[in-house]
Structure formats: structure tokens, C-alpha cells
């Protein structure tokens, strides 16, 4: 009977440990995914701002060239 109780306790402990580890992994992955989403959003916003600035700069150069040619 004692051996069976020990086996049950070991299996119970392993089940709890597995659940805790899996739960931790899910939380960790959620944090990583959340961070990646924020990083992607920041990078995307930066690229849009940079693109707008470049386009604006190109427009200014074109206008300057037009005025210079007159």
C-alpha cells in the first residue's frame, strides 16, 4: 500500500509540476508575443513617419527644382 501511495504522490506531483511549467510557458509566450506586437507597431509607425518625411523632403526638392528652372 505504501508503494502505491508513493506512486500516486509522485504522479500527482509530476502532474502539478507539468501544469505549472506549461502555465509558465504559456504566460512567457504571451509576454513575448505581446512585446513583439508592440515592437512591430512601433517599428511600423516609425517606418510610416520616416516614409512621410522622405516623401515630404522629395516634394520640397521637386518644388525647389521647379522654382530654380523658372
N, C-alpha and C. Protein backbone atom coordinates (compact mmCIF):
# COMPACT_ATOMS: atom_id res chain seq x y z
N UNK A 1 0.83 -1.20 0.00
CA UNK A 1 0.00 0.00 0.00
C UNK A 1 0.87 1.26 0.00
N UNK A 2 1.95 1.23 0.74
CA UNK A 2 2.82 2.39 0.82
C UNK A 2 3.43 2.70 -0.54
N UNK A 3 3.82 1.67 -1.27
CA UNK A 3 4.39 1.86 -2.60
C UNK A 3 3.36 2.51 -3.53
N UNK A 4 2.13 2.08 -3.43
CA UNK A 4 1.07 2.63 -4.27
C UNK A 4 0.82 4.10 -3.92
N UNK A 5 0.85 4.42 -2.63
CA UNK A 5 0.66 5.81 -2.19
C UNK A 5 1.81 6.68 -2.73
N UNK A 6 3.04 6.17 -2.64
CA UNK A 6 4.20 6.91 -3.15
C UNK A 6 4.06 7.14 -4.66
N UNK A 7 3.65 6.11 -5.39
CA UNK A 7 3.47 6.25 -6.84
C UNK A 7 2.40 7.29 -7.16
N UNK A 8 1.33 7.26 -6.38
CA UNK A 8 0.24 8.23 -6.58
C UNK A 8 0.74 9.64 -6.30
N UNK A 9 1.50 9.79 -5.21
CA UNK A 9 2.04 11.11 -4.86
C UNK A 9 3.01 11.60 -5.93
N UNK A 10 3.85 10.71 -6.42
CA UNK A 10 4.80 11.09 -7.47
C UNK A 10 4.05 11.51 -8.73
N UNK A 11 3.06 10.73 -9.11
CA UNK A 11 2.28 11.08 -10.31
C UNK A 11 1.54 12.40 -10.12
N UNK A 12 1.00 12.60 -8.91
CA UNK A 12 0.31 13.86 -8.61
C UNK A 12 1.28 15.03 -8.69
N UNK A 13 2.46 14.86 -8.08
CA UNK A 13 3.48 15.91 -8.12
C UNK A 13 3.90 16.20 -9.56
N UNK A 14 4.13 15.15 -10.33
CA UNK A 14 4.53 15.33 -11.73
C UNK A 14 3.44 16.05 -12.52
N UNK A 15 2.19 15.72 -12.24
CA UNK A 15 1.08 16.39 -12.91
C UNK A 15 1.03 17.87 -12.56
N UNK A 16 1.21 18.16 -11.27
CA UNK A 16 1.20 19.57 -10.83
C UNK A 16 2.38 20.31 -11.44
N UNK A 17 3.55 19.70 -11.38
CA UNK A 17 4.76 20.32 -11.93
C UNK A 17 4.60 20.59 -13.43
N UNK A 18 4.07 19.63 -14.14
CA UNK A 18 3.84 19.78 -15.57
C UNK A 18 2.86 20.92 -15.84
N UNK A 19 1.80 20.98 -15.05
CA UNK A 19 0.82 22.06 -15.22
C UNK A 19 1.42 23.42 -14.95
N UNK A 20 2.25 23.51 -13.91
CA UNK A 20 2.89 24.78 -13.57
C UNK A 20 3.86 25.19 -14.68
N UNK A 21 4.67 24.24 -15.14
CA UNK A 21 5.63 24.54 -16.20
C UNK A 21 4.90 24.96 -17.48
N UNK A 22 3.87 24.23 -17.84
CA UNK A 22 3.11 24.59 -19.05
C UNK A 22 2.43 25.94 -18.90
N UNK A 23 1.89 26.21 -17.70
CA UNK A 23 1.28 27.51 -17.45
C UNK A 23 2.30 28.63 -17.57
N UNK A 24 3.49 28.40 -17.00
CA UNK A 24 4.56 29.40 -17.08
C UNK A 24 4.96 29.63 -18.53
N UNK A 25 5.08 28.54 -19.29
CA UNK A 25 5.46 28.68 -20.70
C UNK A 25 4.42 29.47 -21.48
N UNK A 26 3.14 29.25 -21.17
CA UNK A 26 2.08 29.99 -21.87
C UNK A 26 2.14 31.48 -21.52
N UNK A 27 2.35 31.77 -20.24
CA UNK A 27 2.46 33.17 -19.82
C UNK A 27 3.67 33.82 -20.48
N UNK A 28 4.80 33.11 -20.44
CA UNK A 28 6.02 33.63 -21.05
C UNK A 28 5.82 33.89 -22.54
N UNK A 29 5.19 32.96 -23.24
CA UNK A 29 4.94 33.13 -24.67
C UNK A 29 4.00 34.30 -24.92
N UNK A 30 3.00 34.46 -24.04
CA UNK A 30 2.09 35.60 -24.17
C UNK A 30 2.82 36.92 -24.01
N UNK A 31 3.74 36.97 -23.06
CA UNK A 31 4.53 38.19 -22.85
C UNK A 31 5.41 38.46 -24.06
N UNK A 32 6.06 37.42 -24.56
CA UNK A 32 6.92 37.56 -25.74
C UNK A 32 6.09 38.02 -26.94
N UNK A 33 4.93 37.38 -27.15
CA UNK A 33 4.06 37.77 -28.27
C UNK A 33 3.59 39.21 -28.12
N UNK A 34 3.23 39.59 -26.89
CA UNK A 34 2.79 40.96 -26.64
C UNK A 34 3.90 41.96 -26.92
N UNK A 35 5.10 41.64 -26.46
CA UNK A 35 6.25 42.51 -26.71
C UNK A 35 6.51 42.64 -28.20
N UNK A 36 6.44 41.50 -28.90
CA UNK A 36 6.68 41.51 -30.35
C UNK A 36 5.65 42.36 -31.07
N UNK A 37 4.39 42.27 -30.62
CA UNK A 37 3.33 43.07 -31.24
C UNK A 37 3.58 44.56 -31.03
N UNK A 38 3.99 44.93 -29.81
CA UNK A 38 4.29 46.34 -29.52
C UNK A 38 5.48 46.80 -30.35
N UNK A 39 6.52 45.96 -30.39
CA UNK A 39 7.71 46.31 -31.17
C UNK A 39 7.36 46.48 -32.65
N UNK A 40 6.56 45.57 -33.19
CA UNK A 40 6.14 45.66 -34.59
C UNK A 40 5.35 46.94 -34.83
N UNK A 41 4.49 47.28 -33.88
CA UNK A 41 3.70 48.51 -34.01
C UNK A 41 4.57 49.75 -34.02
N UNK A 42 5.56 49.77 -33.13
CA UNK A 42 6.47 50.92 -33.04
C UNK A 42 7.30 51.02 -34.32
N UNK A 43 7.83 49.89 -34.76
CA UNK A 43 8.64 49.89 -35.99
C UNK A 43 7.78 50.31 -37.18
N UNK A 44 6.56 49.79 -37.26
CA UNK A 44 5.67 50.16 -38.35
C UNK A 44 5.36 51.65 -38.35
N UNK A 45 5.09 52.20 -37.16
CA UNK A 45 4.81 53.63 -37.05
C UNK A 45 6.03 54.44 -37.44
N UNK A 46 7.21 54.02 -36.97
CA UNK A 46 8.44 54.73 -37.31
C UNK A 46 8.66 54.73 -38.82
N UNK A 47 8.43 53.57 -39.45
CA UNK A 47 8.62 53.48 -40.90
C UNK A 47 7.66 54.40 -41.64
N UNK A 48 6.41 54.50 -41.15
CA UNK A 48 5.43 55.38 -41.79
C UNK A 48 5.86 56.84 -41.65
N UNK A 49 6.32 57.21 -40.45
CA UNK A 49 6.78 58.59 -40.22
C UNK A 49 7.98 58.88 -41.11
N UNK A 50 8.92 57.93 -41.14
CA UNK A 50 10.12 58.10 -41.96
C UNK A 50 9.76 58.24 -43.44
N UNK A 51 8.85 57.41 -43.90
CA UNK A 51 8.41 57.45 -45.29
C UNK A 51 7.74 58.79 -45.61
N UNK A 52 6.91 59.26 -44.68
CA UNK A 52 6.25 60.56 -44.87
C UNK A 52 7.28 61.68 -44.94
N UNK A 53 8.28 61.61 -44.07
CA UNK A 53 9.32 62.65 -44.06
C UNK A 53 10.11 62.62 -45.36
N UNK A 54 10.44 61.43 -45.84
CA UNK A 54 11.18 61.30 -47.10
C UNK A 54 10.34 61.84 -48.25
N UNK A 55 9.07 61.46 -48.28
CA UNK A 55 8.18 61.95 -49.35
C UNK A 55 8.05 63.47 -49.31
N UNK A 56 7.94 64.01 -48.11
CA UNK A 56 7.84 65.46 -47.95
C UNK A 56 9.12 66.12 -48.43
N UNK A 57 10.26 65.54 -48.04
CA UNK A 57 11.55 66.08 -48.48
C UNK A 57 11.69 66.03 -49.99
N UNK A 58 11.27 64.93 -50.59
CA UNK A 58 11.33 64.81 -52.06
C UNK A 58 10.44 65.86 -52.72
N UNK A 59 9.27 66.10 -52.15
CA UNK A 59 8.36 67.11 -52.70
C UNK A 59 9.00 68.50 -52.63
N UNK A 60 9.66 68.78 -51.52
CA UNK A 60 10.33 70.08 -51.39
C UNK A 60 11.44 70.23 -52.42
N UNK A 61 12.20 69.17 -52.63
CA UNK A 61 13.28 69.21 -53.63
C UNK A 61 12.70 69.43 -55.02
N UNK A 62 11.62 68.75 -55.34
CA UNK A 62 10.97 68.92 -56.64
C UNK A 62 10.48 70.35 -56.83
N UNK A 63 9.85 70.90 -55.81
CA UNK A 63 9.36 72.28 -55.89
C UNK A 63 10.52 73.26 -56.04
N UNK A 64 11.59 73.01 -55.30
CA UNK A 64 12.77 73.88 -55.39
C UNK A 64 13.35 73.83 -56.80
N UNK A 65 13.44 72.62 -57.36
CA UNK A 65 13.96 72.46 -58.72
C UNK A 65 13.09 73.19 -59.73
N UNK A 66 11.78 73.11 -59.57
CA UNK A 66 10.85 73.80 -60.47
C UNK A 66 11.06 75.32 -60.40
N UNK A 67 11.20 75.83 -59.18
CA UNK A 67 11.39 77.27 -59.00
C UNK A 67 12.73 77.72 -59.56
N UNK A 68 13.74 76.90 -59.43
CA UNK A 68 15.08 77.24 -59.91
C UNK A 68 15.13 77.28 -61.43
N UNK A 69 14.34 76.44 -62.08
CA UNK A 69 14.34 76.37 -63.54
C UNK A 69 13.61 77.54 -64.17
N UNK A 70 12.78 78.23 -63.41
CA UNK A 70 11.99 79.35 -63.98
C UNK A 70 12.85 80.55 -64.27
